[in-house]
Amino acid sequence: ALAVDIMRKDPDISVGDIARKCGVSESGLYNIFKRTLDCTPLDIRRKIIIERATDLLITTDLSVEEISAKLGFSSSSYFRKVLYREMGQTPTAIRNRGV
């Protein structure tokens, strides 16, 4: 729970830094995540970023390009691809769902 809270506050933090803050090795952190959450820290980071993207799409008028840049994606097309893969919807569909 501490590691996830740390990632929610700073999604850009490295896995190594998260492990240090939690007092475990990086491999130990991966093992804990796998055992307790059945995923990796990177899976959780992706989920947090997708949650933020969805929230920004629904609650702001920021463009897809602005949101993708704000969340650190290399391009808006890659952002669209990741969002569709994770949510099964385009940014426009997500934005319209929130209206």
N, C-alpha and C. Protein backbone atom coordinates (compact mmCIF):
# COMPACT_ATOMS: atom_id res chain seq x y z
N ALA A 1 0.83 -1.20 0.00
CA ALA A 1 0.00 0.00 0.00
C ALA A 1 0.87 1.26 0.00
N LEU A 2 1.98 1.24 0.75
CA LEU A 2 2.86 2.40 0.78
C LEU A 2 3.44 2.66 -0.60
N ALA A 3 3.87 1.63 -1.28
CA ALA A 3 4.46 1.80 -2.61
C ALA A 3 3.45 2.38 -3.59
N VAL A 4 2.21 1.92 -3.54
CA VAL A 4 1.17 2.43 -4.43
C VAL A 4 0.88 3.89 -4.10
N ASP A 5 0.82 4.23 -2.82
CA ASP A 5 0.61 5.62 -2.41
C ASP A 5 1.73 6.52 -2.93
N ILE A 6 2.96 6.04 -2.85
CA ILE A 6 4.11 6.80 -3.35
C ILE A 6 3.95 7.04 -4.85
N MET A 7 3.54 6.01 -5.59
CA MET A 7 3.36 6.15 -7.03
C MET A 7 2.21 7.08 -7.38
N ARG A 8 1.15 7.05 -6.57
CA ARG A 8 0.02 7.97 -6.83
C ARG A 8 0.46 9.42 -6.67
N LYS A 9 1.33 9.67 -5.69
CA LYS A 9 1.82 11.04 -5.47
C LYS A 9 2.82 11.46 -6.54
N ASP A 10 3.62 10.51 -7.03
CA ASP A 10 4.66 10.82 -8.02
C ASP A 10 4.80 9.66 -9.01
N PRO A 11 3.96 9.62 -10.06
CA PRO A 11 4.00 8.51 -11.00
C PRO A 11 5.33 8.39 -11.76
N ASP A 12 6.13 9.44 -11.74
CA ASP A 12 7.40 9.40 -12.47
C ASP A 12 8.55 8.83 -11.65
N ILE A 13 8.31 8.54 -10.38
CA ILE A 13 9.37 8.03 -9.50
C ILE A 13 9.84 6.67 -10.01
N SER A 14 11.13 6.42 -9.88
CA SER A 14 11.66 5.14 -10.36
C SER A 14 11.30 4.01 -9.38
N VAL A 15 11.29 2.81 -9.90
CA VAL A 15 10.99 1.64 -9.07
C VAL A 15 12.07 1.51 -7.98
N GLY A 16 13.31 1.82 -8.33
CA GLY A 16 14.39 1.77 -7.34
C GLY A 16 14.16 2.73 -6.19
N ASP A 17 13.70 3.94 -6.51
CA ASP A 17 13.41 4.92 -5.45
C ASP A 17 12.23 4.49 -4.59
N ILE A 18 11.23 3.89 -5.21
CA ILE A 18 10.09 3.38 -4.45
C ILE A 18 10.56 2.30 -3.48
N ALA A 19 11.38 1.39 -3.99
CA ALA A 19 11.90 0.30 -3.15
C ALA A 19 12.67 0.86 -1.96
N ARG A 20 13.53 1.85 -2.21
CA ARG A 20 14.30 2.46 -1.11
C ARG A 20 13.39 3.09 -0.07
N LYS A 21 12.37 3.80 -0.53
CA LYS A 21 11.43 4.44 0.41
C LYS A 21 10.67 3.40 1.23
N CYS A 22 10.49 2.22 0.66
CA CYS A 22 9.78 1.14 1.36
C CYS A 22 10.72 0.24 2.16
N GLY A 23 12.02 0.47 2.04
CA GLY A 23 12.99 -0.30 2.80
C GLY A 23 13.22 -1.71 2.29
N VAL A 24 13.03 -1.91 0.98
CA VAL A 24 13.28 -3.23 0.39
C VAL A 24 14.12 -3.05 -0.87
N SER A 25 14.65 -4.16 -1.39
CA SER A 25 15.39 -4.11 -2.64
C SER A 25 14.39 -3.99 -3.79
N GLU A 26 14.90 -3.61 -4.94
CA GLU A 26 14.02 -3.50 -6.11
C GLU A 26 13.41 -4.86 -6.46
N SER A 27 14.22 -5.92 -6.42
CA SER A 27 13.67 -7.25 -6.72
C SER A 27 12.68 -7.67 -5.64
N GLY A 28 12.96 -7.29 -4.40
CA GLY A 28 12.02 -7.58 -3.32
C GLY A 28 10.68 -6.90 -3.54
N LEU A 29 10.74 -5.64 -4.02
CA LEU A 29 9.50 -4.90 -4.31
C LEU A 29 8.70 -5.61 -5.41
N TYR A 30 9.40 -6.04 -6.46
CA TYR A 30 8.71 -6.78 -7.53
C TYR A 30 8.06 -8.04 -6.99
N ASN A 31 8.78 -8.75 -6.11
CA ASN A 31 8.23 -9.98 -5.53
C ASN A 31 7.00 -9.69 -4.68
N ILE A 32 7.04 -8.63 -3.89
CA ILE A 32 5.89 -8.26 -3.05
C ILE A 32 4.68 -7.92 -3.93
N PHE A 33 4.92 -7.14 -4.99
CA PHE A 33 3.82 -6.78 -5.89
C PHE A 33 3.23 -8.03 -6.54
N LYS A 34 4.11 -8.91 -7.00
CA LYS A 34 3.64 -10.12 -7.68
C LYS A 34 2.82 -10.99 -6.72
N ARG A 35 3.32 -11.12 -5.49
CA ARG A 35 2.66 -11.97 -4.50
C ARG A 35 1.33 -11.37 -4.02
N THR A 36 1.31 -10.07 -3.76
CA THR A 36 0.12 -9.47 -3.16
C THR A 36 -0.88 -8.91 -4.16
N LEU A 37 -0.38 -8.39 -5.30
CA LEU A 37 -1.27 -7.75 -6.26
C LEU A 37 -1.34 -8.48 -7.60
N ASP A 38 -0.49 -9.51 -7.76
CA ASP A 38 -0.42 -10.29 -8.99
C ASP A 38 -0.13 -9.40 -10.21
N CYS A 39 0.74 -8.42 -10.00
CA CYS A 39 1.19 -7.56 -11.09
C CYS A 39 2.52 -6.94 -10.70
N THR A 40 3.06 -6.10 -11.57
CA THR A 40 4.34 -5.45 -11.29
C THR A 40 4.11 -3.99 -10.92
N PRO A 41 5.12 -3.34 -10.35
CA PRO A 41 4.99 -1.90 -10.09
C PRO A 41 4.70 -1.11 -11.38
N LEU A 42 5.25 -1.55 -12.49
CA LEU A 42 5.01 -0.85 -13.75
C LEU A 42 3.56 -0.98 -14.20
N ASP A 43 2.94 -2.13 -13.90
CA ASP A 43 1.51 -2.31 -14.21
C ASP A 43 0.68 -1.31 -13.42
N ILE A 44 1.02 -1.15 -12.15
CA ILE A 44 0.28 -0.20 -11.29
C ILE A 44 0.51 1.23 -11.78
N ARG A 45 1.75 1.56 -12.14
CA ARG A 45 2.03 2.91 -12.66
C ARG A 45 1.16 3.18 -13.89
N ARG A 46 1.08 2.22 -14.80
CA ARG A 46 0.28 2.39 -16.00
C ARG A 46 -1.19 2.63 -15.64
N LYS A 47 -1.70 1.87 -14.67
CA LYS A 47 -3.09 2.04 -14.24
C LYS A 47 -3.32 3.43 -13.66
N ILE A 48 -2.37 3.90 -12.86
CA ILE A 48 -2.49 5.24 -12.27
C ILE A 48 -2.51 6.31 -13.36
N ILE A 49 -1.64 6.17 -14.35
CA ILE A 49 -1.58 7.14 -15.44
C ILE A 49 -2.87 7.11 -16.25
N ILE A 50 -3.41 5.93 -16.50
CA ILE A 50 -4.67 5.81 -17.24
C ILE A 50 -5.81 6.42 -16.43
N GLU A 51 -5.82 6.22 -15.11
CA GLU A 51 -6.83 6.85 -14.26
C GLU A 51 -6.75 8.36 -14.37
N ARG A 52 -5.53 8.90 -14.34
CA ARG A 52 -5.35 10.35 -14.46
C ARG A 52 -5.81 10.84 -15.82
N ALA A 53 -5.47 10.09 -16.86
CA ALA A 53 -5.87 10.48 -18.21
C ALA A 53 -7.39 10.52 -18.32
N THR A 54 -8.04 9.49 -17.81
CA THR A 54 -9.50 9.43 -17.85
C THR A 54 -10.10 10.61 -17.10
N ASP A 55 -9.56 10.89 -15.92
CA ASP A 55 -10.05 12.01 -15.12
C ASP A 55 -9.88 13.33 -15.86
N LEU A 56 -8.71 13.54 -16.47
CA LEU A 56 -8.46 14.78 -17.21
C LEU A 56 -9.38 14.90 -18.42
N LEU A 57 -9.63 13.79 -19.09
CA LEU A 57 -10.53 13.83 -20.25
C LEU A 57 -11.95 14.22 -19.84
N ILE A 58 -12.38 13.71 -18.69
CA ILE A 58 -13.76 13.94 -18.25
C ILE A 58 -13.94 15.30 -17.58
N THR A 59 -12.92 15.74 -16.84
CA THR A 59 -13.10 16.94 -16.01
C THR A 59 -12.47 18.22 -16.56
N THR A 60 -11.74 18.14 -17.67
CA THR A 60 -11.11 19.34 -18.22
C THR A 60 -11.42 19.47 -19.70
N ASP A 61 -11.08 20.62 -20.24
CA ASP A 61 -11.20 20.84 -21.68
C ASP A 61 -9.84 20.73 -22.36
N LEU A 62 -8.85 20.18 -21.66
CA LEU A 62 -7.53 20.02 -22.26
C LEU A 62 -7.62 19.12 -23.49
N SER A 63 -6.83 19.45 -24.50
CA SER A 63 -6.82 18.61 -25.70
C SER A 63 -6.11 17.29 -25.40
N VAL A 64 -6.32 16.32 -26.27
CA VAL A 64 -5.65 15.03 -26.13
C VAL A 64 -4.13 15.24 -26.16
N GLU A 65 -3.68 16.15 -27.01
CA GLU A 65 -2.26 16.45 -27.10
C GLU A 65 -1.73 17.02 -25.78
N GLU A 66 -2.49 17.93 -25.18
CA GLU A 66 -2.07 18.52 -23.90
C GLU A 66 -2.04 17.47 -22.79
N ILE A 67 -3.04 16.61 -22.75
CA ILE A 67 -3.09 15.56 -21.73
C ILE A 67 -1.95 14.57 -21.92
N SER A 68 -1.70 14.17 -23.15
CA SER A 68 -0.62 13.20 -23.39
C SER A 68 0.73 13.80 -22.99
N ALA A 69 0.95 15.07 -23.29
CA ALA A 69 2.21 15.73 -22.89
C ALA A 69 2.30 15.85 -21.37
N LYS A 70 1.20 16.22 -20.74
CA LYS A 70 1.16 16.39 -19.29
C LYS A 70 1.49 15.08 -18.57
N LEU A 71 1.06 13.96 -19.15
CA LEU A 71 1.28 12.66 -18.53
C LEU A 71 2.57 11.98 -18.98
N GLY A 72 3.35 12.67 -19.82
CA GLY A 72 4.67 12.18 -20.19
C GLY A 72 4.73 11.19 -21.34
N PHE A 73 3.68 11.15 -22.16
CA PHE A 73 3.71 10.27 -23.33
C PHE A 73 4.57 10.89 -24.42
N SER A 74 5.22 10.06 -25.21
CA SER A 74 6.11 10.56 -26.26
C SER A 74 5.34 11.22 -27.40
N SER A 75 4.10 10.80 -27.60
CA SER A 75 3.27 11.41 -28.64
C SER A 75 1.80 11.18 -28.30
N SER A 76 0.94 12.00 -28.89
CA SER A 76 -0.48 11.82 -28.64
C SER A 76 -0.99 10.54 -29.31
N SER A 77 -0.36 10.13 -30.40
CA SER A 77 -0.81 8.88 -31.04
C SER A 77 -0.49 7.67 -30.16
N TYR A 78 0.66 7.70 -29.50
CA TYR A 78 0.99 6.61 -28.58
C TYR A 78 0.04 6.63 -27.37
N PHE A 79 -0.26 7.82 -26.88
CA PHE A 79 -1.22 7.97 -25.78
C PHE A 79 -2.57 7.37 -26.17
N ARG A 80 -3.04 7.69 -27.36
CA ARG A 80 -4.32 7.15 -27.83
C ARG A 80 -4.28 5.61 -27.88
N LYS A 81 -3.16 5.09 -28.37
CA LYS A 81 -2.99 3.63 -28.49
C LYS A 81 -3.04 2.97 -27.12
N VAL A 82 -2.29 3.51 -26.15
CA VAL A 82 -2.26 2.95 -24.80
C VAL A 82 -3.64 3.06 -24.15
N LEU A 83 -4.27 4.21 -24.29
CA LEU A 83 -5.60 4.41 -23.69
C LEU A 83 -6.60 3.42 -24.27
N TYR A 84 -6.56 3.21 -25.59
CA TYR A 84 -7.48 2.27 -26.20
C TYR A 84 -7.21 0.85 -25.74
N ARG A 85 -5.93 0.49 -25.66
CA ARG A 85 -5.56 -0.86 -25.22
C ARG A 85 -6.04 -1.11 -23.78
N GLU A 86 -5.90 -0.11 -22.92
CA GLU A 86 -6.26 -0.28 -21.50
C GLU A 86 -7.76 -0.13 -21.24
N MET A 87 -8.41 0.80 -21.95
CA MET A 87 -9.80 1.13 -21.66
C MET A 87 -10.79 0.61 -22.71
N GLY A 88 -10.27 0.25 -23.89
CA GLY A 88 -11.17 -0.20 -24.94
C GLY A 88 -11.98 0.92 -25.55
N GLN A 89 -11.55 2.17 -25.31
CA GLN A 89 -12.26 3.33 -25.84
C GLN A 89 -11.27 4.39 -26.29
N THR A 90 -11.70 5.21 -27.21
CA THR A 90 -10.90 6.34 -27.65
C THR A 90 -11.02 7.48 -26.64
N PRO A 91 -10.09 8.43 -26.67
CA PRO A 91 -10.22 9.59 -25.79
C PRO A 91 -11.55 10.32 -25.95
N THR A 92 -12.02 10.45 -27.19
CA THR A 92 -13.30 11.13 -27.43
C THR A 92 -14.45 10.38 -26.77
N ALA A 93 -14.45 9.07 -26.88
CA ALA A 93 -15.52 8.26 -26.25
C ALA A 93 -15.47 8.40 -24.74
N ILE A 94 -14.28 8.41 -24.17
CA ILE A 94 -14.15 8.57 -22.72
C ILE A 94 -14.65 9.96 -22.30
N ARG A 95 -14.25 10.97 -23.04
CA ARG A 95 -14.68 12.34 -22.73
C ARG A 95 -16.21 12.44 -22.83
N ASN A 96 -16.79 11.88 -23.86
CA ASN A 96 -18.25 11.95 -24.06
C ASN A 96 -19.00 11.16 -23.00
N ARG A 97 -18.39 10.08 -22.52
CA ARG A 97 -19.01 9.26 -21.46
C ARG A 97 -19.17 10.08 -20.18
N GLY A 98 -18.22 10.98 -19.95
CA GLY A 98 -18.23 11.78 -18.71
C GLY A 98 -19.22 12.93 -18.74
N VAL A 99 -19.74 13.25 -19.91
CA VAL A 99 -20.65 14.40 -20.03
C VAL A 99 -22.02 14.06 -19.52
